[in-house]
Amino acid sequence: MFYIVQPDDYLNLIAWKLDVSVNQLLQFNPMVDNSPLYVGQRLFIPLPSFRAIVTYTVITGDTLDSIAKKFNATKQLIMELNYITTEVSPGQIIKIPTKL
């Protein structure tokens, strides 16, 4: 199975979306170990499990930790996906990685 690299993709995000490890991606795609990813690049994926990205509007009382727990994601991945370096604010719309 193949995956086509999308805008804003990076190895950790692709690994998470496809439920594989970064090491598995590198093992099956050794050319990406020393080169940056580019949009349209085809990567071989060893497992057929997919995840999706949804949008979420932050409500009062939400924290990155509580949102991550609610969606079974990691705080770090949510921060990286949204280019967040601080806590979220009510009304803020963020992308959340989640299982399909």
PDB file of N, CA and C in Angstrom:
ATOM      1  N   MET A   1       0.838  -1.164   0.000  1.00  0.00           N
ATOM      2  CA  MET A   1       0.000   0.000   0.000  1.00  0.00           C
ATOM      3  C   MET A   1       0.893   1.241   0.000  1.00  0.00           C
ATOM      4  N   PHE A   2       0.427   2.300  -0.661  1.00  0.00           N
ATOM      5  CA  PHE A   2       1.204   3.534  -0.743  1.00  0.00           C
ATOM      6  C   PHE A   2       0.445   4.698  -0.120  1.00  0.00           C
ATOM      7  N   TYR A   3       1.189   5.670   0.350  1.00  0.00           N
ATOM      8  CA  TYR A   3       0.638   6.923   0.871  1.00  0.00           C
ATOM      9  C   TYR A   3       1.299   8.057   0.104  1.00  0.00           C
ATOM     10  N   ILE A   4       0.501   9.048  -0.301  1.00  0.00           N
ATOM     11  CA  ILE A   4       1.021  10.217  -1.000  1.00  0.00           C
ATOM     12  C   ILE A   4       1.176  11.348   0.009  1.00  0.00           C
ATOM     13  N   VAL A   5       2.376  11.881   0.131  1.00  0.00           N
ATOM     14  CA  VAL A   5       2.668  12.955   1.082  1.00  0.00           C
ATOM     15  C   VAL A   5       1.830  14.187   0.745  1.00  0.00           C
ATOM     16  N   GLN A   6       1.190  14.739   1.780  1.00  0.00           N
ATOM     17  CA  GLN A   6       0.319  15.905   1.660  1.00  0.00           C
ATOM     18  C   GLN A   6       1.012  17.145   2.229  1.00  0.00           C
ATOM     19  N   PRO A   7       0.500  18.346   1.909  1.00  0.00           N
ATOM     20  CA  PRO A   7       1.069  19.557   2.515  1.00  0.00           C
ATOM     21  C   PRO A   7       1.029  19.446   4.045  1.00  0.00           C
ATOM     22  N   ASP A   8       2.050  19.914   4.697  1.00  0.00           N
ATOM     23  CA  ASP A   8       2.192  19.910   6.161  1.00  0.00           C
ATOM     24  C   ASP A   8       2.452  18.532   6.756  1.00  0.00           C
ATOM     25  N   ASP A   9       2.619  17.493   5.930  1.00  0.00           N
ATOM     26  CA  ASP A   9       2.962  16.174   6.461  1.00  0.00           C
ATOM     27  C   ASP A   9       4.408  16.151   6.940  1.00  0.00           C
ATOM     28  N   TYR A  10       4.652  15.365   7.957  1.00  0.00           N
ATOM     29  CA  TYR A  10       6.002  15.067   8.419  1.00  0.00           C
ATOM     30  C   TYR A  10       5.972  13.633   8.933  1.00  0.00           C
ATOM     31  N   LEU A  11       7.117  13.019   9.116  1.00  0.00           N
ATOM     32  CA  LEU A  11       7.160  11.582   9.400  1.00  0.00           C
ATOM     33  C   LEU A  11       6.330  11.171  10.606  1.00  0.00           C
ATOM     34  N   ASN A  12       6.435  11.907  11.720  1.00  0.00           N
ATOM     35  CA  ASN A  12       5.674  11.519  12.909  1.00  0.00           C
ATOM     36  C   ASN A  12       4.173  11.556  12.655  1.00  0.00           C
ATOM     37  N   LEU A  13       3.708  12.559  11.932  1.00  0.00           N
ATOM     38  CA  LEU A  13       2.280  12.669  11.636  1.00  0.00           C
ATOM     39  C   LEU A  13       1.831  11.545  10.707  1.00  0.00           C
ATOM     40  N   ILE A  14       2.599  11.272   9.675  1.00  0.00           N
ATOM     41  CA  ILE A  14       2.249  10.186   8.754  1.00  0.00           C
ATOM     42  C   ILE A  14       2.219   8.860   9.507  1.00  0.00           C
ATOM     43  N   ALA A  15       3.213   8.634  10.339  1.00  0.00           N
ATOM     44  CA  ALA A  15       3.257   7.396  11.125  1.00  0.00           C
ATOM     45  C   ALA A  15       2.012   7.275  11.993  1.00  0.00           C
ATOM     46  N   TRP A  16       1.628   8.378  12.628  1.00  0.00           N
ATOM     47  CA  TRP A  16       0.450   8.345  13.491  1.00  0.00           C
ATOM     48  C   TRP A  16      -0.813   8.099  12.673  1.00  0.00           C
ATOM     49  N   LYS A  17      -0.980   8.828  11.562  1.00  0.00           N
ATOM     50  CA  LYS A  17      -2.186   8.680  10.736  1.00  0.00           C
ATOM     51  C   LYS A  17      -2.350   7.251  10.242  1.00  0.00           C
ATOM     52  N   LEU A  18      -1.250   6.596   9.949  1.00  0.00           N
ATOM     53  CA  LEU A  18      -1.299   5.262   9.356  1.00  0.00           C
ATOM     54  C   LEU A  18      -1.055   4.153  10.366  1.00  0.00           C
ATOM     55  N   ASP A  19      -0.898   4.535  11.631  1.00  0.00           N
ATOM     56  CA  ASP A  19      -0.727   3.575  12.725  1.00  0.00           C
ATOM     57  C   ASP A  19       0.476   2.659  12.506  1.00  0.00           C
ATOM     58  N   VAL A  20       1.581   3.279  12.110  1.00  0.00           N
ATOM     59  CA  VAL A  20       2.854   2.573  11.985  1.00  0.00           C
ATOM     60  C   VAL A  20       3.900   3.372  12.749  1.00  0.00           C
ATOM     61  N   SER A  21       5.031   2.793  12.996  1.00  0.00           N
ATOM     62  CA  SER A  21       6.098   3.527  13.674  1.00  0.00           C
ATOM     63  C   SER A  21       6.941   4.279  12.646  1.00  0.00           C
ATOM     64  N   VAL A  22       7.619   5.304  13.117  1.00  0.00           N
ATOM     65  CA  VAL A  22       8.547   6.025  12.245  1.00  0.00           C
ATOM     66  C   VAL A  22       9.615   5.062  11.748  1.00  0.00           C
ATOM     67  N   ASN A  23      10.064   4.172  12.622  1.00  0.00           N
ATOM     68  CA  ASN A  23      11.076   3.188  12.213  1.00  0.00           C
ATOM     69  C   ASN A  23      10.569   2.303  11.076  1.00  0.00           C
ATOM     70  N   GLN A  24       9.280   1.921  11.122  1.00  0.00           N
ATOM     71  CA  GLN A  24       8.717   1.121  10.028  1.00  0.00           C
ATOM     72  C   GLN A  24       8.700   1.929   8.733  1.00  0.00           C
ATOM     73  N   LEU A  25       8.300   3.210   8.830  1.00  0.00           N
ATOM     74  CA  LEU A  25       8.313   4.057   7.633  1.00  0.00           C
ATOM     75  C   LEU A  25       9.712   4.130   7.044  1.00  0.00           C
ATOM     76  N   LEU A  26      10.703   4.330   7.901  1.00  0.00           N
ATOM     77  CA  LEU A  26      12.082   4.434   7.426  1.00  0.00           C
ATOM     78  C   LEU A  26      12.583   3.107   6.864  1.00  0.00           C
ATOM     79  N   GLN A  27      12.172   2.013   7.491  1.00  0.00           N
ATOM     80  CA  GLN A  27      12.598   0.697   7.015  1.00  0.00           C
ATOM     81  C   GLN A  27      12.070   0.425   5.603  1.00  0.00           C
ATOM     82  N   PHE A  28      10.819   0.813   5.344  1.00  0.00           N
ATOM     83  CA  PHE A  28      10.208   0.563   4.040  1.00  0.00           C
ATOM     84  C   PHE A  28      10.476   1.678   3.034  1.00  0.00           C
ATOM     85  N   ASN A  29      10.995   2.810   3.513  1.00  0.00           N
ATOM     86  CA  ASN A  29      11.265   3.972   2.656  1.00  0.00           C
ATOM     87  C   ASN A  29      12.614   4.576   3.028  1.00  0.00           C
ATOM     88  N   PRO A  30      13.709   3.843   2.826  1.00  0.00           N
ATOM     89  CA  PRO A  30      15.017   4.314   3.290  1.00  0.00           C
ATOM     90  C   PRO A  30      15.449   5.645   2.680  1.00  0.00           C
ATOM     91  N   MET A  31      14.877   6.015   1.536  1.00  0.00           N
ATOM     92  CA  MET A  31      15.272   7.270   0.892  1.00  0.00           C
ATOM     93  C   MET A  31      14.855   8.490   1.700  1.00  0.00           C
ATOM     94  N   VAL A  32      13.865   8.371   2.595  1.00  0.00           N
ATOM     95  CA  VAL A  32      13.429   9.543   3.365  1.00  0.00           C
ATOM     96  C   VAL A  32      14.294   9.784   4.595  1.00  0.00           C
ATOM     97  N   ASP A  33      15.162   8.851   4.914  1.00  0.00           N
ATOM     98  CA  ASP A  33      16.024   9.012   6.091  1.00  0.00           C
ATOM     99  C   ASP A  33      16.992  10.176   5.923  1.00  0.00           C
ATOM    100  N   ASN A  34      17.467  10.404   4.713  1.00  0.00           N
ATOM    101  CA  ASN A  34      18.462  11.452   4.471  1.00  0.00           C
ATOM    102  C   ASN A  34      17.937  12.606   3.624  1.00  0.00           C
ATOM    103  N   SER A  35      16.658  12.581   3.272  1.00  0.00           N
ATOM    104  CA  SER A  35      16.088  13.621   2.410  1.00  0.00           C
ATOM    105  C   SER A  35      14.782  14.119   3.010  1.00  0.00           C
ATOM    106  N   PRO A  36      14.452  15.391   2.797  1.00  0.00           N
ATOM    107  CA  PRO A  36      13.162  15.891   3.286  1.00  0.00           C
ATOM    108  C   PRO A  36      12.005  15.320   2.468  1.00  0.00           C
ATOM    109  N   LEU A  37      10.835  15.213   3.103  1.00  0.00           N
ATOM    110  CA  LEU A  37       9.638  14.795   2.380  1.00  0.00           C
ATOM    111  C   LEU A  37       9.199  15.909   1.450  1.00  0.00           C
ATOM    112  N   TYR A  38       8.518  15.546   0.371  1.00  0.00           N
ATOM    113  CA  TYR A  38       7.958  16.559  -0.516  1.00  0.00           C
ATOM    114  C   TYR A  38       6.535  16.161  -0.891  1.00  0.00           C
ATOM    115  N   VAL A  39       5.683  17.157  -1.112  1.00  0.00           N
ATOM    116  CA  VAL A  39       4.291  16.923  -1.472  1.00  0.00           C
ATOM    117  C   VAL A  39       4.240  16.097  -2.750  1.00  0.00           C
ATOM    118  N   GLY A  40       3.413  15.050  -2.720  1.00  0.00           N
ATOM    119  CA  GLY A  40       3.276  14.168  -3.873  1.00  0.00           C
ATOM    120  C   GLY A  40       4.172  12.945  -3.814  1.00  0.00           C
ATOM    121  N   GLN A  41       5.107  12.923  -2.875  1.00  0.00           N
ATOM    122  CA  GLN A  41       6.008  11.779  -2.740  1.00  0.00           C
ATOM    123  C   GLN A  41       5.208  10.540  -2.347  1.00  0.00           C
ATOM    124  N   ARG A  42       5.543   9.398  -2.940  1.00  0.00           N
ATOM    125  CA  ARG A  42       4.890   8.127  -2.606  1.00  0.00           C
ATOM    126  C   ARG A  42       5.713   7.395  -1.562  1.00  0.00           C
ATOM    127  N   LEU A  43       5.059   7.013  -0.477  1.00  0.00           N
ATOM    128  CA  LEU A  43       5.701   6.223   0.565  1.00  0.00           C
ATOM    129  C   LEU A  43       5.023   4.865   0.638  1.00  0.00           C
ATOM    130  N   PHE A  44       5.813   3.820   0.761  1.00  0.00           N
ATOM    131  CA  PHE A  44       5.261   2.487   0.948  1.00  0.00           C
ATOM    132  C   PHE A  44       4.874   2.333   2.411  1.00  0.00           C
ATOM    133  N   ILE A  45       3.654   1.855   2.661  1.00  0.00           N
ATOM    134  CA  ILE A  45       3.147   1.693   4.022  1.00  0.00           C
ATOM    135  C   ILE A  45       2.906   0.206   4.272  1.00  0.00           C
ATOM    136  N   PRO A  46       3.513  -0.359   5.322  1.00  0.00           N
ATOM    137  CA  PRO A  46       3.398  -1.790   5.555  1.00  0.00           C
ATOM    138  C   PRO A  46       2.076  -2.250   6.155  1.00  0.00           C
ATOM    139  N   LEU A  47       1.313  -1.355   6.798  1.00  0.00           N
ATOM    140  CA  LEU A  47       0.074  -1.769   7.457  1.00  0.00           C
ATOM    141  C   LEU A  47      -1.116  -0.966   6.938  1.00  0.00           C
ATOM    142  N   PRO A  48      -2.303  -1.571   6.845  1.00  0.00           N
ATOM    143  CA  PRO A  48      -3.463  -0.880   6.279  1.00  0.00           C
ATOM    144  C   PRO A  48      -4.359  -0.153   7.277  1.00  0.00           C
ATOM    145  N   SER A  49      -3.845   0.343   8.372  1.00  0.00           N
ATOM    146  CA  SER A  49      -4.667   1.025   9.364  1.00  0.00           C
ATOM    147  C   SER A  49      -4.577   2.536   9.164  1.00  0.00           C
ATOM    148  N   PHE A  50      -5.721   3.218   9.069  1.00  0.00           N
ATOM    149  CA  PHE A  50      -5.733   4.657   8.806  1.00  0.00           C
ATOM    150  C   PHE A  50      -6.282   5.452   9.981  1.00  0.00           C
ATOM    151  N   ARG A  51      -5.886   6.698  10.038  1.00  0.00           N
ATOM    152  CA  ARG A  51      -6.429   7.665  10.981  1.00  0.00           C
ATOM    153  C   ARG A  51      -6.797   8.907  10.191  1.00  0.00           C
ATOM    154  N   ALA A  52      -7.548   9.789  10.822  1.00  0.00           N
ATOM    155  CA  ALA A  52      -8.001  10.996  10.140  1.00  0.00           C
ATOM    156  C   ALA A  52      -7.732  12.224  11.002  1.00  0.00           C
ATOM    157  N   ILE A  53      -7.834  13.385  10.373  1.00  0.00           N
ATOM    158  CA  ILE A  53      -7.691  14.654  11.070  1.00  0.00           C
ATOM    159  C   ILE A  53      -9.066  15.312  11.089  1.00  0.00           C
ATOM    160  N   VAL A  54      -9.543  15.707  12.280  1.00  0.00           N
ATOM    161  CA  VAL A  54     -10.814  16.414  12.408  1.00  0.00           C
ATOM    162  C   VAL A  54     -10.553  17.782  13.024  1.00  0.00           C
ATOM    163  N   THR A  55     -11.506  18.692  12.876  1.00  0.00           N
ATOM    164  CA  THR A  55     -11.371  19.992  13.531  1.00  0.00           C
ATOM    165  C   THR A  55     -12.180  19.980  14.818  1.00  0.00           C
ATOM    166  N   TYR A  56     -11.724  20.744  15.789  1.00  0.00           N
ATOM    167  CA  TYR A  56     -12.360  20.812  17.098  1.00  0.00           C
ATOM    168  C   TYR A  56     -12.301  22.252  17.585  1.00  0.00           C
ATOM    169  N   THR A  57     -13.419  22.745  18.117  1.00  0.00           N
ATOM    170  CA  THR A  57     -13.459  24.079  18.695  1.00  0.00           C
ATOM    171  C   THR A  57     -13.265  23.959  20.197  1.00  0.00           C
ATOM    172  N   VAL A  58     -12.240  24.593  20.702  1.00  0.00           N
ATOM    173  CA  VAL A  58     -11.892  24.538  22.122  1.00  0.00           C
ATOM    174  C   VAL A  58     -12.999  25.199  22.940  1.00  0.00           C
ATOM    175  N   ILE A  59     -13.404  24.538  24.038  1.00  0.00           N
ATOM    176  CA  ILE A  59     -14.405  25.100  24.938  1.00  0.00           C
ATOM    177  C   ILE A  59     -13.757  25.453  26.270  1.00  0.00           C
ATOM    178  N   THR A  60     -14.455  26.256  27.063  1.00  0.00           N
ATOM    179  CA  THR A  60     -13.954  26.658  28.373  1.00  0.00           C
ATOM    180  C   THR A  60     -13.627  25.418  29.202  1.00  0.00           C
ATOM    181  N   GLY A  61     -12.466  25.416  29.796  1.00  0.00           N
ATOM    182  CA  GLY A  61     -12.026  24.292  30.615  1.00  0.00           C
ATOM    183  C   GLY A  61     -11.136  23.309  29.879  1.00  0.00           C
ATOM    184  N   ASP A  62     -11.121  23.375  28.557  1.00  0.00           N
ATOM    185  CA  ASP A  62     -10.256  22.484  27.780  1.00  0.00           C
ATOM    186  C   ASP A  62      -8.793  22.849  27.979  1.00  0.00           C
ATOM    187  N   THR A  63      -7.962  21.837  28.028  1.00  0.00           N
ATOM    188  CA  THR A  63      -6.510  22.002  27.978  1.00  0.00           C
ATOM    189  C   THR A  63      -6.012  21.067  26.884  1.00  0.00           C
ATOM    190  N   LEU A  64      -4.790  21.246  26.481  1.00  0.00           N
ATOM    191  CA  LEU A  64      -4.234  20.325  25.484  1.00  0.00           C
ATOM    192  C   LEU A  64      -4.249  18.895  26.003  1.00  0.00           C
ATOM    193  N   ASP A  65      -3.951  18.732  27.286  1.00  0.00           N
ATOM    194  CA  ASP A  65      -3.967  17.384  27.866  1.00  0.00           C
ATOM    195  C   ASP A  65      -5.366  16.775  27.838  1.00  0.00           C
ATOM    196  N   SER A  66      -6.387  17.561  28.211  1.00  0.00           N
ATOM    197  CA  SER A  66      -7.752  17.016  28.242  1.00  0.00           C
ATOM    198  C   SER A  66      -8.258  16.714  26.831  1.00  0.00           C
ATOM    199  N   ILE A  67      -7.903  17.556  25.875  1.00  0.00           N
ATOM    200  CA  ILE A  67      -8.307  17.317  24.483  1.00  0.00           C
ATOM    201  C   ILE A  67      -7.620  16.059  23.953  1.00  0.00           C
ATOM    202  N   ALA A  68      -6.333  15.923  24.236  1.00  0.00           N
ATOM    203  CA  ALA A  68      -5.595  14.733  23.797  1.00  0.00           C
ATOM    204  C   ALA A  68      -6.228  13.470  24.369  1.00  0.00           C
ATOM    205  N   LYS A  69      -6.584  13.515  25.652  1.00  0.00           N
ATOM    206  CA  LYS A  69      -7.206  12.353  26.291  1.00  0.00           C
ATOM    207  C   LYS A  69      -8.566  12.054  25.659  1.00  0.00           C
ATOM    208  N   LYS A  70      -9.347  13.100  25.394  1.00  0.00           N
ATOM    209  CA  LYS A  70     -10.685  12.940  24.816  1.00  0.00           C
ATOM    210  C   LYS A  70     -10.627  12.255  23.449  1.00  0.00           C
ATOM    211  N   PHE A  71      -9.588  12.553  22.671  1.00  0.00           N
ATOM    212  CA  PHE A  71      -9.485  12.027  21.314  1.00  0.00           C
ATOM    213  C   PHE A  71      -8.464  10.898  21.179  1.00  0.00           C
ATOM    214  N   ASN A  72      -7.931  10.430  22.306  1.00  0.00           N
ATOM    215  CA  ASN A  72      -6.934   9.354  22.289  1.00  0.00           C
ATOM    216  C   ASN A  72      -5.760   9.716  21.380  1.00  0.00           C
ATOM    217  N   ALA A  73      -5.281  10.945  21.548  1.00  0.00           N
ATOM    218  CA  ALA A  73      -4.137  11.444  20.783  1.00  0.00           C
ATOM    219  C   ALA A  73      -3.057  11.848  21.780  1.00  0.00           C
ATOM    220  N   THR A  74      -1.992  12.440  21.300  1.00  0.00           N
ATOM    221  CA  THR A  74      -0.969  12.944  22.207  1.00  0.00           C
ATOM    222  C   THR A  74      -0.945  14.465  22.148  1.00  0.00           C
ATOM    223  N   LYS A  75      -0.627  15.055  23.277  1.00  0.00           N
ATOM    224  CA  LYS A  75      -0.516  16.515  23.359  1.00  0.00           C
ATOM    225  C   LYS A  75       0.512  17.013  22.347  1.00  0.00           C
ATOM    226  N   GLN A  76       1.640  16.335  22.274  1.00  0.00           N
ATOM    227  CA  GLN A  76       2.715  16.754  21.373  1.00  0.00           C
ATOM    228  C   GLN A  76       2.256  16.748  19.915  1.00  0.00           C
ATOM    229  N   LEU A  77       1.538  15.714  19.506  1.00  0.00           N
ATOM    230  CA  LEU A  77       1.079  15.639  18.121  1.00  0.00           C
ATOM    231  C   LEU A  77       0.074  16.752  17.813  1.00  0.00           C
ATOM    232  N   ILE A  78      -0.831  17.037  18.755  1.00  0.00           N
ATOM    233  CA  ILE A  78      -1.789  18.135  18.563  1.00  0.00           C
ATOM    234  C   ILE A  78      -1.043  19.454  18.439  1.00  0.00           C
ATOM    235  N   MET A  79      -0.043  19.654  19.286  1.00  0.00           N
ATOM    236  CA  MET A  79       0.739  20.894  19.233  1.00  0.00           C
ATOM    237  C   MET A  79       1.466  21.018  17.894  1.00  0.00           C
ATOM    238  N   GLU A  80       2.088  19.942  17.440  1.00  0.00           N
ATOM    239  CA  GLU A  80       2.828  19.973  16.176  1.00  0.00           C
ATOM    240  C   GLU A  80       1.889  20.193  14.989  1.00  0.00           C
ATOM    241  N   LEU A  81       0.754  19.531  15.008  1.00  0.00           N
ATOM    242  CA  LEU A  81      -0.196  19.633  13.906  1.00  0.00           C
ATOM    243  C   LEU A  81      -0.760  21.045  13.765  1.00  0.00           C
ATOM    244  N   ASN A  82      -0.867  21.749  14.899  1.00  0.00           N
ATOM    245  CA  ASN A  82      -1.457  23.089  14.909  1.00  0.00           C
ATOM    246  C   ASN A  82      -0.438  24.202  15.114  1.00  0.00           C
ATOM    247  N   TYR A  83       0.832  23.856  15.137  1.00  0.00           N
ATOM    248  CA  TYR A  83       1.896  24.848  15.366  1.00  0.00           C
ATOM    249  C   TYR A  83       1.636  25.634  16.655  1.00  0.00           C
ATOM    250  N   ILE A  84       1.246  24.924  17.713  1.00  0.00           N
ATOM    251  CA  ILE A  84       0.923  25.531  19.004  1.00  0.00           C
ATOM    252  C   ILE A  84       2.131  25.408  19.924  1.00  0.00           C
ATOM    253  N   THR A  85       2.457  26.494  20.613  1.00  0.00           N
ATOM    254  CA  THR A  85       3.559  26.454  21.585  1.00  0.00           C
ATOM    255  C   THR A  85       3.072  26.762  22.995  1.00  0.00           C
ATOM    256  N   THR A  86       1.801  27.170  23.133  1.00  0.00           N
ATOM    257  CA  THR A  86       1.219  27.473  24.444  1.00  0.00           C
ATOM    258  C   THR A  86      -0.121  26.765  24.552  1.00  0.00           C
ATOM    259  N   GLU A  87      -0.805  26.947  25.675  1.00  0.00           N
ATOM    260  CA  GLU A  87      -2.126  26.347  25.859  1.00  0.00           C
ATOM    261  C   GLU A  87      -3.132  26.940  24.880  1.00  0.00           C
ATOM    262  N   VAL A  88      -4.228  26.218  24.680  1.00  0.00           N
ATOM    263  CA  VAL A  88      -5.298  26.657  23.787  1.00  0.00           C
ATOM    264  C   VAL A  88      -6.260  27.581  24.526  1.00  0.00           C
ATOM    265  N   SER A  89      -7.081  28.303  23.753  1.00  0.00           N
ATOM    266  CA  SER A  89      -8.053  29.244  24.311  1.00  0.00           C
ATOM    267  C   SER A  89      -9.455  28.884  23.835  1.00  0.00           C
ATOM    268  N   PRO A  90     -10.493  29.156  24.663  1.00  0.00           N
ATOM    269  CA  PRO A  90     -11.867  28.894  24.223  1.00  0.00           C
ATOM    270  C   PRO A  90     -12.158  29.593  22.896  1.00  0.00           C
ATOM    271  N   GLY A  91     -12.820  28.872  21.992  1.00  0.00           N
ATOM    272  CA  GLY A  91     -13.155  29.408  20.681  1.00  0.00           C
ATOM    273  C   GLY A  91     -12.115  29.104  19.614  1.00  0.00           C
ATOM    274  N   GLN A  92     -10.923  28.709  20.049  1.00  0.00           N
ATOM    275  CA  GLN A  92      -9.861  28.390  19.096  1.00  0.00           C
ATOM    276  C   GLN A  92     -10.227  27.109  18.351  1.00  0.00           C
ATOM    277  N   ILE A  93     -10.031  27.091  17.052  1.00  0.00           N
ATOM    278  CA  ILE A  93     -10.305  25.901  16.241  1.00  0.00           C
ATOM    279  C   ILE A  93      -8.978  25.222  15.942  1.00  0.00           C
ATOM    280  N   ILE A  94      -8.895  23.946  16.310  1.00  0.00           N
ATOM    281  CA  ILE A  94      -7.653  23.201  16.122  1.00  0.00           C
ATOM    282  C   ILE A  94      -7.929  21.904  15.366  1.00  0.00           C
ATOM    283  N   LYS A  95      -6.868  21.351  14.800  1.00  0.00           N
ATOM    284  CA  LYS A  95      -6.935  20.055  14.126  1.00  0.00           C
ATOM    285  C   LYS A  95      -6.592  18.984  15.153  1.00  0.00           C
ATOM    286  N   ILE A  96      -7.350  17.893  15.116  1.00  0.00           N
ATOM    287  CA  ILE A  96      -7.134  16.786  16.044  1.00  0.00           C
ATOM    288  C   ILE A  96      -6.958  15.500  15.249  1.00  0.00           C
ATOM    289  N   PRO A  97      -5.874  14.768  15.484  1.00  0.00           N
ATOM    290  CA  PRO A  97      -5.720  13.459  14.852  1.00  0.00           C
ATOM    291  C   PRO A  97      -6.599  12.444  15.580  1.00  0.00           C
ATOM    292  N   THR A  98      -7.347  11.644  14.838  1.00  0.00           N
ATOM    293  CA  THR A  98      -8.251  10.680  15.452  1.00  0.00           C
ATOM    294  C   THR A  98      -8.386   9.443  14.573  1.00  0.00           C
ATOM    295  N   LYS A  99      -8.835   8.351  15.148  1.00  0.00           N
ATOM    296  CA  LYS A  99      -9.066   7.137  14.362  1.00  0.00           C
ATOM    297  C   LYS A  99     -10.331   7.297  13.549  1.00  0.00           C
ATOM    298  N   LEU A 100     -10.341   6.695  12.366  1.00  0.00           N
ATOM    299  CA  LEU A 100     -11.541   6.714  11.519  1.00  0.00           C
ATOM    300  C   LEU A 100     -12.601   5.818  12.105  1.00  0.00           C
TER     301      LEU A 100
END
